[in-house]
Amino acid sequence: MIKKNPRFQRETLFQRDNWTCQYCNIRLQGKAATIDHLIPYAKGGKTNWLNCVTACSACNKRKGSKVLTELDMHLKKQPTIPNELHIWQADVKGNWNEAWDVYIKSR
């Protein structure tokens, strides 16, 4: 059986990246989190799980419409397709109930 990739959603992206800027590693909350396209949208980059990361406004602005090879910026971790835990946590917006642990083994 072939699994489909989950639909791209902001909350799930931020959950996947643990609400942390993938460049400077600071923890973000609410509107302080932005989406950065590794291959910039202006250069044909797509909005998908492997081309987008969570970034703080300062890092996102510094990177602008450049690719990482043009700057002295590095990712803390490579983007991945989110798993069921990321999706579930994004859906409940961080209101995790410990009783749910029995249903999701990877927590």
PDB file of N, CA and C in Angstrom:
ATOM      1  N   MET A   1       0.833  -1.174   0.000  1.00  0.00           N
ATOM      2  CA  MET A   1       0.000   0.000   0.000  1.00  0.00           C
ATOM      3  C   MET A   1       0.885   1.247   0.000  1.00  0.00           C
ATOM      4  N   ILE A   2       0.602   2.176  -0.882  1.00  0.00           N
ATOM      5  CA  ILE A   2       1.389   3.400  -0.991  1.00  0.00           C
ATOM      6  C   ILE A   2       0.753   4.472  -0.108  1.00  0.00           C
ATOM      7  N   LYS A   3       1.582   5.066   0.760  1.00  0.00           N
ATOM      8  CA  LYS A   3       1.102   6.137   1.619  1.00  0.00           C
ATOM      9  C   LYS A   3       1.241   7.461   0.893  1.00  0.00           C
ATOM     10  N   LYS A   4       0.209   8.295   0.984  1.00  0.00           N
ATOM     11  CA  LYS A   4       0.290   9.630   0.425  1.00  0.00           C
ATOM     12  C   LYS A   4       0.969  10.550   1.433  1.00  0.00           C
ATOM     13  N   ASN A   5       1.717  11.521   0.920  1.00  0.00           N
ATOM     14  CA  ASN A   5       2.291  12.525   1.811  1.00  0.00           C
ATOM     15  C   ASN A   5       1.167  13.368   2.386  1.00  0.00           C
ATOM     16  N   PRO A   6       1.303  13.780   3.641  1.00  0.00           N
ATOM     17  CA  PRO A   6       0.267  14.631   4.226  1.00  0.00           C
ATOM     18  C   PRO A   6       0.230  15.983   3.518  1.00  0.00           C
ATOM     19  N   ARG A   7      -0.940  16.592   3.516  1.00  0.00           N
ATOM     20  CA  ARG A   7      -1.107  17.907   2.919  1.00  0.00           C
ATOM     21  C   ARG A   7      -0.256  18.919   3.683  1.00  0.00           C
ATOM     22  N   PHE A   8       0.392  19.817   2.954  1.00  0.00           N
ATOM     23  CA  PHE A   8       1.242  20.838   3.574  1.00  0.00           C
ATOM     24  C   PHE A   8       0.390  21.804   4.386  1.00  0.00           C
ATOM     25  N   GLN A   9       0.761  21.977   5.657  1.00  0.00           N
ATOM     26  CA  GLN A   9       0.073  22.918   6.547  1.00  0.00           C
ATOM     27  C   GLN A   9       1.089  23.596   7.448  1.00  0.00           C
ATOM     28  N   ARG A  10       0.891  24.885   7.689  1.00  0.00           N
ATOM     29  CA  ARG A  10       1.796  25.677   8.530  1.00  0.00           C
ATOM     30  C   ARG A  10       2.037  25.044   9.896  1.00  0.00           C
ATOM     31  N   GLU A  11       0.940  24.774  10.594  1.00  0.00           N
ATOM     32  CA  GLU A  11       1.053  24.253  11.960  1.00  0.00           C
ATOM     33  C   GLU A  11       1.856  22.951  11.999  1.00  0.00           C
ATOM     34  N   THR A  12       1.641  22.101  11.021  1.00  0.00           N
ATOM     35  CA  THR A  12       2.365  20.827  10.984  1.00  0.00           C
ATOM     36  C   THR A  12       3.841  21.056  10.690  1.00  0.00           C
ATOM     37  N   LEU A  13       4.154  22.014   9.811  1.00  0.00           N
ATOM     38  CA  LEU A  13       5.553  22.357   9.539  1.00  0.00           C
ATOM     39  C   LEU A  13       6.230  22.842  10.813  1.00  0.00           C
ATOM     40  N   PHE A  14       5.579  23.762  11.523  1.00  0.00           N
ATOM     41  CA  PHE A  14       6.165  24.289  12.761  1.00  0.00           C
ATOM     42  C   PHE A  14       6.325  23.182  13.800  1.00  0.00           C
ATOM     43  N   GLN A  15       5.364  22.278  13.871  1.00  0.00           N
ATOM     44  CA  GLN A  15       5.456  21.160  14.810  1.00  0.00           C
ATOM     45  C   GLN A  15       6.617  20.243  14.417  1.00  0.00           C
ATOM     46  N   ARG A  16       6.736  19.963  13.103  1.00  0.00           N
ATOM     47  CA  ARG A  16       7.837  19.118  12.623  1.00  0.00           C
ATOM     48  C   ARG A  16       9.190  19.689  13.050  1.00  0.00           C
ATOM     49  N   ASP A  17       9.317  21.008  12.962  1.00  0.00           N
ATOM     50  CA  ASP A  17      10.577  21.677  13.304  1.00  0.00           C
ATOM     51  C   ASP A  17      10.634  22.095  14.765  1.00  0.00           C
ATOM     52  N   ASN A  18       9.682  21.594  15.554  1.00  0.00           N
ATOM     53  CA  ASN A  18       9.648  21.850  17.001  1.00  0.00           C
ATOM     54  C   ASN A  18       9.592  23.340  17.326  1.00  0.00           C
ATOM     55  N   TRP A  19       8.906  24.117  16.478  1.00  0.00           N
ATOM     56  CA  TRP A  19       8.760  25.554  16.674  1.00  0.00           C
ATOM     57  C   TRP A  19      10.112  26.227  16.906  1.00  0.00           C
ATOM     58  N   THR A  20      11.123  25.776  16.159  1.00  0.00           N
ATOM     59  CA  THR A  20      12.483  26.279  16.318  1.00  0.00           C
ATOM     60  C   THR A  20      13.009  26.752  14.974  1.00  0.00           C
ATOM     61  N   CYS A  21      13.653  27.926  14.966  1.00  0.00           N
ATOM     62  CA  CYS A  21      14.260  28.430  13.739  1.00  0.00           C
ATOM     63  C   CYS A  21      15.336  27.445  13.302  1.00  0.00           C
ATOM     64  N   GLN A  22      15.274  27.018  12.063  1.00  0.00           N
ATOM     65  CA  GLN A  22      16.205  26.016  11.565  1.00  0.00           C
ATOM     66  C   GLN A  22      17.567  26.604  11.183  1.00  0.00           C
ATOM     67  N   TYR A  23      17.738  27.910  11.403  1.00  0.00           N
ATOM     68  CA  TYR A  23      19.024  28.559  11.143  1.00  0.00           C
ATOM     69  C   TYR A  23      19.724  28.961  12.442  1.00  0.00           C
ATOM     70  N   CYS A  24      19.024  29.694  13.312  1.00  0.00           N
ATOM     71  CA  CYS A  24      19.675  30.175  14.537  1.00  0.00           C
ATOM     72  C   CYS A  24      19.281  29.383  15.783  1.00  0.00           C
ATOM     73  N   ASN A  25      18.361  28.424  15.620  1.00  0.00           N
ATOM     74  CA  ASN A  25      17.979  27.499  16.692  1.00  0.00           C
ATOM     75  C   ASN A  25      17.210  28.142  17.851  1.00  0.00           C
ATOM     76  N   ILE A  26      16.621  29.324  17.646  1.00  0.00           N
ATOM     77  CA  ILE A  26      15.834  29.903  18.739  1.00  0.00           C
ATOM     78  C   ILE A  26      14.414  29.352  18.690  1.00  0.00           C
ATOM     79  N   ARG A  27      13.823  29.216  19.857  1.00  0.00           N
ATOM     80  CA  ARG A  27      12.452  28.707  19.989  1.00  0.00           C
ATOM     81  C   ARG A  27      11.485  29.837  19.665  1.00  0.00           C
ATOM     82  N   LEU A  28      10.449  29.542  18.897  1.00  0.00           N
ATOM     83  CA  LEU A  28       9.499  30.544  18.433  1.00  0.00           C
ATOM     84  C   LEU A  28       8.104  30.267  18.968  1.00  0.00           C
ATOM     85  N   GLN A  29       7.290  31.319  19.012  1.00  0.00           N
ATOM     86  CA  GLN A  29       5.903  31.169  19.430  1.00  0.00           C
ATOM     87  C   GLN A  29       5.021  31.963  18.490  1.00  0.00           C
ATOM     88  N   GLY A  30       3.857  31.421  18.192  1.00  0.00           N
ATOM     89  CA  GLY A  30       2.844  32.126  17.423  1.00  0.00           C
ATOM     90  C   GLY A  30       3.334  32.727  16.126  1.00  0.00           C
ATOM     91  N   LYS A  31       3.092  34.027  15.970  1.00  0.00           N
ATOM     92  CA  LYS A  31       3.410  34.709  14.723  1.00  0.00           C
ATOM     93  C   LYS A  31       4.898  34.972  14.528  1.00  0.00           C
ATOM     94  N   ALA A  32       5.718  34.663  15.522  1.00  0.00           N
ATOM     95  CA  ALA A  32       7.169  34.825  15.369  1.00  0.00           C
ATOM     96  C   ALA A  32       7.733  33.774  14.419  1.00  0.00           C
ATOM     97  N   ALA A  33       7.002  32.693  14.195  1.00  0.00           N
ATOM     98  CA  ALA A  33       7.443  31.625  13.290  1.00  0.00           C
ATOM     99  C   ALA A  33       7.028  31.975  11.864  1.00  0.00           C
ATOM    100  N   THR A  34       7.984  31.853  10.944  1.00  0.00           N
ATOM    101  CA  THR A  34       7.704  32.083   9.527  1.00  0.00           C
ATOM    102  C   THR A  34       8.148  30.864   8.736  1.00  0.00           C
ATOM    103  N   ILE A  35       7.683  30.791   7.502  1.00  0.00           N
ATOM    104  CA  ILE A  35       8.081  29.694   6.611  1.00  0.00           C
ATOM    105  C   ILE A  35       9.142  30.213   5.653  1.00  0.00           C
ATOM    106  N   ASP A  36      10.264  29.511   5.575  1.00  0.00           N
ATOM    107  CA  ASP A  36      11.307  29.864   4.613  1.00  0.00           C
ATOM    108  C   ASP A  36      11.405  28.771   3.558  1.00  0.00           C
ATOM    109  N   HIS A  37      11.466  29.189   2.310  1.00  0.00           N
ATOM    110  CA  HIS A  37      11.653  28.262   1.192  1.00  0.00           C
ATOM    111  C   HIS A  37      13.156  28.126   0.929  1.00  0.00           C
ATOM    112  N   LEU A  38      13.698  26.909   1.002  1.00  0.00           N
ATOM    113  CA  LEU A  38      15.126  26.700   0.766  1.00  0.00           C
ATOM    114  C   LEU A  38      15.506  27.131  -0.642  1.00  0.00           C
ATOM    115  N   ILE A  39      14.764  26.658  -1.634  1.00  0.00           N
ATOM    116  CA  ILE A  39      14.864  27.215  -2.980  1.00  0.00           C
ATOM    117  C   ILE A  39      13.761  28.255  -3.012  1.00  0.00           C
ATOM    118  N   PRO A  40      14.117  29.529  -3.048  1.00  0.00           N
ATOM    119  CA  PRO A  40      13.117  30.582  -2.906  1.00  0.00           C
ATOM    120  C   PRO A  40      11.971  30.475  -3.905  1.00  0.00           C
ATOM    121  N   TYR A  41      10.809  30.844  -3.428  1.00  0.00           N
ATOM    122  CA  TYR A  41       9.607  30.855  -4.254  1.00  0.00           C
ATOM    123  C   TYR A  41       9.849  31.704  -5.498  1.00  0.00           C
ATOM    124  N   ALA A  42      10.575  32.812  -5.327  1.00  0.00           N
ATOM    125  CA  ALA A  42      10.874  33.716  -6.447  1.00  0.00           C
ATOM    126  C   ALA A  42      11.754  33.062  -7.511  1.00  0.00           C
ATOM    127  N   LYS A  43      12.448  31.990  -7.130  1.00  0.00           N
ATOM    128  CA  LYS A  43      13.315  31.274  -8.076  1.00  0.00           C
ATOM    129  C   LYS A  43      12.709  29.937  -8.484  1.00  0.00           C
ATOM    130  N   GLY A  44      11.410  29.809  -8.312  1.00  0.00           N
ATOM    131  CA  GLY A  44      10.724  28.590  -8.739  1.00  0.00           C
ATOM    132  C   GLY A  44      10.584  27.518  -7.679  1.00  0.00           C
ATOM    133  N   GLY A  45      10.989  27.806  -6.447  1.00  0.00           N
ATOM    134  CA  GLY A  45      10.867  26.834  -5.364  1.00  0.00           C
ATOM    135  C   GLY A  45       9.407  26.562  -5.026  1.00  0.00           C
ATOM    136  N   LYS A  46       9.117  25.340  -4.711  1.00  0.00           N
ATOM    137  CA  LYS A  46       7.749  24.918  -4.400  1.00  0.00           C
ATOM    138  C   LYS A  46       7.498  24.967  -2.898  1.00  0.00           C
ATOM    139  N   THR A  47       6.240  25.082  -2.551  1.00  0.00           N
ATOM    140  CA  THR A  47       5.849  24.997  -1.151  1.00  0.00           C
ATOM    141  C   THR A  47       5.535  23.540  -0.872  1.00  0.00           C
ATOM    142  N   ASN A  48       6.535  22.844  -0.305  1.00  0.00           N
ATOM    143  CA  ASN A  48       6.357  21.436   0.042  1.00  0.00           C
ATOM    144  C   ASN A  48       7.230  21.105   1.246  1.00  0.00           C
ATOM    145  N   TRP A  49       7.074  19.899   1.756  1.00  0.00           N
ATOM    146  CA  TRP A  49       7.754  19.502   2.991  1.00  0.00           C
ATOM    147  C   TRP A  49       9.270  19.538   2.893  1.00  0.00           C
ATOM    148  N   LEU A  50       9.826  19.246   1.742  1.00  0.00           N
ATOM    149  CA  LEU A  50      11.282  19.152   1.624  1.00  0.00           C
ATOM    150  C   LEU A  50      11.934  20.464   1.209  1.00  0.00           C
ATOM    151  N   ASN A  51      11.132  21.465   0.872  1.00  0.00           N
ATOM    152  CA  ASN A  51      11.687  22.759   0.472  1.00  0.00           C
ATOM    153  C   ASN A  51      11.393  23.859   1.489  1.00  0.00           C
ATOM    154  N   CYS A  52      10.656  23.565   2.539  1.00  0.00           N
ATOM    155  CA  CYS A  52      10.274  24.588   3.513  1.00  0.00           C
ATOM    156  C   CYS A  52      10.748  24.225   4.912  1.00  0.00           C
ATOM    157  N   VAL A  53      11.149  25.261   5.648  1.00  0.00           N
ATOM    158  CA  VAL A  53      11.557  25.091   7.047  1.00  0.00           C
ATOM    159  C   VAL A  53      10.995  26.244   7.868  1.00  0.00           C
ATOM    160  N   THR A  54      10.980  26.057   9.177  1.00  0.00           N
ATOM    161  CA  THR A  54      10.585  27.104  10.103  1.00  0.00           C
ATOM    162  C   THR A  54      11.763  28.045  10.301  1.00  0.00           C
ATOM    163  N   ALA A  55      11.484  29.350  10.270  1.00  0.00           N
ATOM    164  CA  ALA A  55      12.540  30.342  10.475  1.00  0.00           C
ATOM    165  C   ALA A  55      11.999  31.512  11.282  1.00  0.00           C
ATOM    166  N   CYS A  56      12.874  32.157  12.040  1.00  0.00           N
ATOM    167  CA  CYS A  56      12.486  33.400  12.703  1.00  0.00           C
ATOM    168  C   CYS A  56      12.478  34.501  11.640  1.00  0.00           C
ATOM    169  N   SER A  57      11.834  35.594  11.927  1.00  0.00           N
ATOM    170  CA  SER A  57      11.734  36.686  10.953  1.00  0.00           C
ATOM    171  C   SER A  57      13.103  37.226  10.549  1.00  0.00           C
ATOM    172  N   ALA A  58      14.006  37.343  11.523  1.00  0.00           N
ATOM    173  CA  ALA A  58      15.337  37.891  11.232  1.00  0.00           C
ATOM    174  C   ALA A  58      16.102  37.000  10.254  1.00  0.00           C
ATOM    175  N   CYS A  59      16.098  35.703  10.482  1.00  0.00           N
ATOM    176  CA  CYS A  59      16.806  34.784   9.582  1.00  0.00           C
ATOM    177  C   CYS A  59      16.133  34.725   8.218  1.00  0.00           C
ATOM    178  N   ASN A  60      14.806  34.733   8.203  1.00  0.00           N
ATOM    179  CA  ASN A  60      14.076  34.687   6.941  1.00  0.00           C
ATOM    180  C   ASN A  60      14.388  35.937   6.115  1.00  0.00           C
ATOM    181  N   LYS A  61      14.432  37.087   6.780  1.00  0.00           N
ATOM    182  CA  LYS A  61      14.749  38.338   6.085  1.00  0.00           C
ATOM    183  C   LYS A  61      16.203  38.332   5.600  1.00  0.00           C
ATOM    184  N   ARG A  62      17.117  37.849   6.431  1.00  0.00           N
ATOM    185  CA  ARG A  62      18.538  37.789   6.061  1.00  0.00           C
ATOM    186  C   ARG A  62      18.746  36.895   4.834  1.00  0.00           C
ATOM    187  N   LYS A  63      18.051  35.762   4.805  1.00  0.00           N
ATOM    188  CA  LYS A  63      18.191  34.852   3.679  1.00  0.00           C
ATOM    189  C   LYS A  63      17.540  35.426   2.426  1.00  0.00           C
ATOM    190  N   GLY A  64      16.403  36.073   2.604  1.00  0.00           N
ATOM    191  CA  GLY A  64      15.732  36.698   1.460  1.00  0.00           C
ATOM    192  C   GLY A  64      15.457  35.708   0.352  1.00  0.00           C
ATOM    193  N   SER A  65      15.750  36.100  -0.873  1.00  0.00           N
ATOM    194  CA  SER A  65      15.487  35.220  -2.025  1.00  0.00           C
ATOM    195  C   SER A  65      16.769  34.564  -2.528  1.00  0.00           C
ATOM    196  N   LYS A  66      17.674  34.284  -1.600  1.00  0.00           N
ATOM    197  CA  LYS A  66      18.915  33.595  -1.949  1.00  0.00           C
ATOM    198  C   LYS A  66      18.829  32.137  -1.528  1.00  0.00           C
ATOM    199  N   VAL A  67      19.692  31.316  -2.105  1.00  0.00           N
ATOM    200  CA  VAL A  67      19.814  29.931  -1.660  1.00  0.00           C
ATOM    201  C   VAL A  67      20.944  29.859  -0.645  1.00  0.00           C
ATOM    202  N   LEU A  68      20.961  28.831   0.172  1.00  0.00           N
ATOM    203  CA  LEU A  68      21.935  28.744   1.262  1.00  0.00           C
ATOM    204  C   LEU A  68      23.379  28.774   0.784  1.00  0.00           C
ATOM    205  N   THR A  69      23.649  28.253  -0.407  1.00  0.00           N
ATOM    206  CA  THR A  69      25.029  28.244  -0.904  1.00  0.00           C
ATOM    207  C   THR A  69      25.540  29.656  -1.183  1.00  0.00           C
ATOM    208  N   GLU A  70      24.641  30.628  -1.291  1.00  0.00           N
ATOM    209  CA  GLU A  70      25.048  32.016  -1.518  1.00  0.00           C
ATOM    210  C   GLU A  70      25.333  32.754  -0.211  1.00  0.00           C
ATOM    211  N   LEU A  71      25.028  32.145   0.904  1.00  0.00           N
ATOM    212  CA  LEU A  71      25.149  32.788   2.216  1.00  0.00           C
ATOM    213  C   LEU A  71      25.934  31.908   3.181  1.00  0.00           C
ATOM    214  N   ASP A  72      26.319  32.488   4.298  1.00  0.00           N
ATOM    215  CA  ASP A  72      26.946  31.703   5.356  1.00  0.00           C
ATOM    216  C   ASP A  72      25.867  31.296   6.364  1.00  0.00           C
ATOM    217  N   MET A  73      24.856  30.576   5.866  1.00  0.00           N
ATOM    218  CA  MET A  73      23.765  30.091   6.712  1.00  0.00           C
ATOM    219  C   MET A  73      23.656  28.587   6.516  1.00  0.00           C
ATOM    220  N   HIS A  74      23.363  27.885   7.600  1.00  0.00           N
ATOM    221  CA  HIS A  74      23.265  26.426   7.540  1.00  0.00           C
ATOM    222  C   HIS A  74      22.035  25.966   8.299  1.00  0.00           C
ATOM    223  N   LEU A  75      21.426  24.909   7.804  1.00  0.00           N
ATOM    224  CA  LEU A  75      20.273  24.315   8.474  1.00  0.00           C
ATOM    225  C   LEU A  75      20.721  23.510   9.687  1.00  0.00           C
ATOM    226  N   LYS A  76      19.925  23.554  10.738  1.00  0.00           N
ATOM    227  CA  LYS A  76      20.194  22.728  11.922  1.00  0.00           C
ATOM    228  C   LYS A  76      19.881  21.263  11.624  1.00  0.00           C
ATOM    229  N   LYS A  77      18.839  21.023  10.804  1.00  0.00           N
ATOM    230  CA  LYS A  77      18.520  19.660  10.373  1.00  0.00           C
ATOM    231  C   LYS A  77      17.831  19.739   9.018  1.00  0.00           C
ATOM    232  N   GLN A  78      17.971  18.699   8.247  1.00  0.00           N
ATOM    233  CA  GLN A  78      17.358  18.642   6.927  1.00  0.00           C
ATOM    234  C   GLN A  78      15.853  18.447   7.063  1.00  0.00           C
ATOM    235  N   PRO A  79      15.073  19.099   6.209  1.00  0.00           N
ATOM    236  CA  PRO A  79      13.618  18.928   6.282  1.00  0.00           C
ATOM    237  C   PRO A  79      13.195  17.520   5.876  1.00  0.00           C
ATOM    238  N   THR A  80      12.128  17.061   6.493  1.00  0.00           N
ATOM    239  CA  THR A  80      11.584  15.733   6.213  1.00  0.00           C
ATOM    240  C   THR A  80      10.077  15.848   6.024  1.00  0.00           C
ATOM    241  N   ILE A  81       9.484  14.778   5.554  1.00  0.00           N
ATOM    242  CA  ILE A  81       8.029  14.708   5.485  1.00  0.00           C
ATOM    243  C   ILE A  81       7.555  14.369   6.895  1.00  0.00           C
ATOM    244  N   PRO A  82       6.603  15.120   7.442  1.00  0.00           N
ATOM    245  CA  PRO A  82       6.191  14.887   8.828  1.00  0.00           C
ATOM    246  C   PRO A  82       5.553  13.523   9.031  1.00  0.00           C
ATOM    247  N   ASN A  83       5.690  13.034  10.259  1.00  0.00           N
ATOM    248  CA  ASN A  83       5.066  11.754  10.605  1.00  0.00           C
ATOM    249  C   ASN A  83       3.722  11.994  11.287  1.00  0.00           C
ATOM    250  N   GLU A  84       3.068  10.921  11.667  1.00  0.00           N
ATOM    251  CA  GLU A  84       1.735  11.011  12.266  1.00  0.00           C
ATOM    252  C   GLU A  84       1.734  11.827  13.550  1.00  0.00           C
ATOM    253  N   LEU A  85       2.800  11.739  14.327  1.00  0.00           N
ATOM    254  CA  LEU A  85       2.879  12.486  15.583  1.00  0.00           C
ATOM    255  C   LEU A  85       2.867  13.987  15.315  1.00  0.00           C
ATOM    256  N   HIS A  86       3.652  14.455  14.338  1.00  0.00           N
ATOM    257  CA  HIS A  86       3.664  15.881  14.011  1.00  0.00           C
ATOM    258  C   HIS A  86       2.269  16.360  13.604  1.00  0.00           C
ATOM    259  N   ILE A  87       1.602  15.559  12.788  1.00  0.00           N
ATOM    260  CA  ILE A  87       0.277  15.925  12.302  1.00  0.00           C
ATOM    261  C   ILE A  87      -0.715  15.996  13.454  1.00  0.00           C
ATOM    262  N   TRP A  88      -0.687  14.985  14.314  1.00  0.00           N
ATOM    263  CA  TRP A  88      -1.599  14.932  15.444  1.00  0.00           C
ATOM    264  C   TRP A  88      -1.356  16.123  16.381  1.00  0.00           C
ATOM    265  N   GLN A  89      -0.106  16.373  16.717  1.00  0.00           N
ATOM    266  CA  GLN A  89       0.206  17.471  17.629  1.00  0.00           C
ATOM    267  C   GLN A  89      -0.192  18.817  17.037  1.00  0.00           C
ATOM    268  N   ALA A  90      -0.007  18.990  15.737  1.00  0.00           N
ATOM    269  CA  ALA A  90      -0.421  20.241  15.102  1.00  0.00           C
ATOM    270  C   ALA A  90      -1.935  20.386  15.164  1.00  0.00           C
ATOM    271  N   ASP A  91      -2.653  19.287  14.997  1.00  0.00           N
ATOM    272  CA  ASP A  91      -4.117  19.328  15.048  1.00  0.00           C
ATOM    273  C   ASP A  91      -4.632  19.723  16.428  1.00  0.00           C
ATOM    274  N   VAL A  92      -3.957  19.262  17.469  1.00  0.00           N
ATOM    275  CA  VAL A  92      -4.413  19.596  18.816  1.00  0.00           C
ATOM    276  C   VAL A  92      -3.741  20.866  19.331  1.00  0.00           C
ATOM    277  N   LYS A  93      -2.939  21.512  18.470  1.00  0.00           N
ATOM    278  CA  LYS A  93      -2.269  22.781  18.762  1.00  0.00           C
ATOM    279  C   LYS A  93      -1.487  22.740  20.076  1.00  0.00           C
ATOM    280  N   GLY A  94      -0.756  21.668  20.276  1.00  0.00           N
ATOM    281  CA  GLY A  94       0.108  21.573  21.442  1.00  0.00           C
ATOM    282  C   GLY A  94      -0.591  21.191  22.727  1.00  0.00           C
ATOM    283  N   ASN A  95      -1.891  21.006  22.703  1.00  0.00           N
ATOM    284  CA  ASN A  95      -2.629  20.619  23.898  1.00  0.00           C
ATOM    285  C   ASN A  95      -2.596  19.105  24.036  1.00  0.00           C
ATOM    286  N   TRP A  96      -1.433  18.574  24.287  1.00  0.00           N
ATOM    287  CA  TRP A  96      -1.229  17.133  24.336  1.00  0.00           C
ATOM    288  C   TRP A  96      -1.760  16.553  25.632  1.00  0.00           C
ATOM    289  N   ASN A  97      -2.477  15.471  25.512  1.00  0.00           N
ATOM    290  CA  ASN A  97      -2.996  14.759  26.669  1.00  0.00           C
ATOM    291  C   ASN A  97      -2.146  13.497  26.809  1.00  0.00           C
ATOM    292  N   GLU A  98      -1.505  13.314  27.931  1.00  0.00           N
ATOM    293  CA  GLU A  98      -0.590  12.179  28.138  1.00  0.00           C
ATOM    294  C   GLU A  98      -1.278  10.832  27.898  1.00  0.00           C
ATOM    295  N   ALA A  99      -2.586  10.750  28.071  1.00  0.00           N
ATOM    296  CA  ALA A  99      -3.312   9.500  27.837  1.00  0.00           C
ATOM    297  C   ALA A  99      -3.238   9.073  26.370  1.00  0.00           C
ATOM    298  N   TRP A 100      -2.936  10.029  25.463  1.00  0.00           N
ATOM    299  CA  TRP A 100      -2.847   9.714  24.039  1.00  0.00           C
ATOM    300  C   TRP A 100      -1.554   8.970  23.679  1.00  0.00           C
ATOM    301  N   ASP A 101      -0.586   8.969  24.606  1.00  0.00           N
ATOM    302  CA  ASP A 101       0.702   8.319  24.341  1.00  0.00           C
ATOM    303  C   ASP A 101       0.551   6.865  23.907  1.00  0.00           C
ATOM    304  N   VAL A 102      -0.444   6.171  24.424  1.00  0.00           N
ATOM    305  CA  VAL A 102      -0.624   4.759  24.079  1.00  0.00           C
ATOM    306  C   VAL A 102      -0.956   4.577  22.603  1.00  0.00           C
ATOM    307  N   TYR A 103      -1.478   5.613  21.959  1.00  0.00           N
ATOM    308  CA  TYR A 103      -1.861   5.512  20.543  1.00  0.00           C
ATOM    309  C   TYR A 103      -0.732   5.907  19.594  1.00  0.00           C
ATOM    310  N   ILE A 104       0.228   6.662  20.088  1.00  0.00           N
ATOM    311  CA  ILE A 104       1.335   7.102  19.235  1.00  0.00           C
ATOM    312  C   ILE A 104       2.627   6.683  19.906  1.00  0.00           C
ATOM    313  N   LYS A 105       3.268   5.682  19.355  1.00  0.00           N
ATOM    314  CA  LYS A 105       4.441   5.059  19.985  1.00  0.00           C
ATOM    315  C   LYS A 105       5.696   5.914  19.904  1.00  0.00           C
ATOM    316  N   SER A 106       5.815   6.775  18.861  1.00  0.00           N
ATOM    317  CA  SER A 106       7.071   7.489  18.643  1.00  0.00           C
ATOM    318  C   SER A 106       7.229   8.736  19.502  1.00  0.00           C
ATOM    319  N   ARG A 107       6.298   9.019  20.367  1.00  0.00           N
ATOM    320  CA  ARG A 107       6.391  10.249  21.182  1.00  0.00           C
ATOM    321  C   ARG A 107       7.471  10.121  22.208  1.00  0.00           C
TER     322      ARG A 107
END
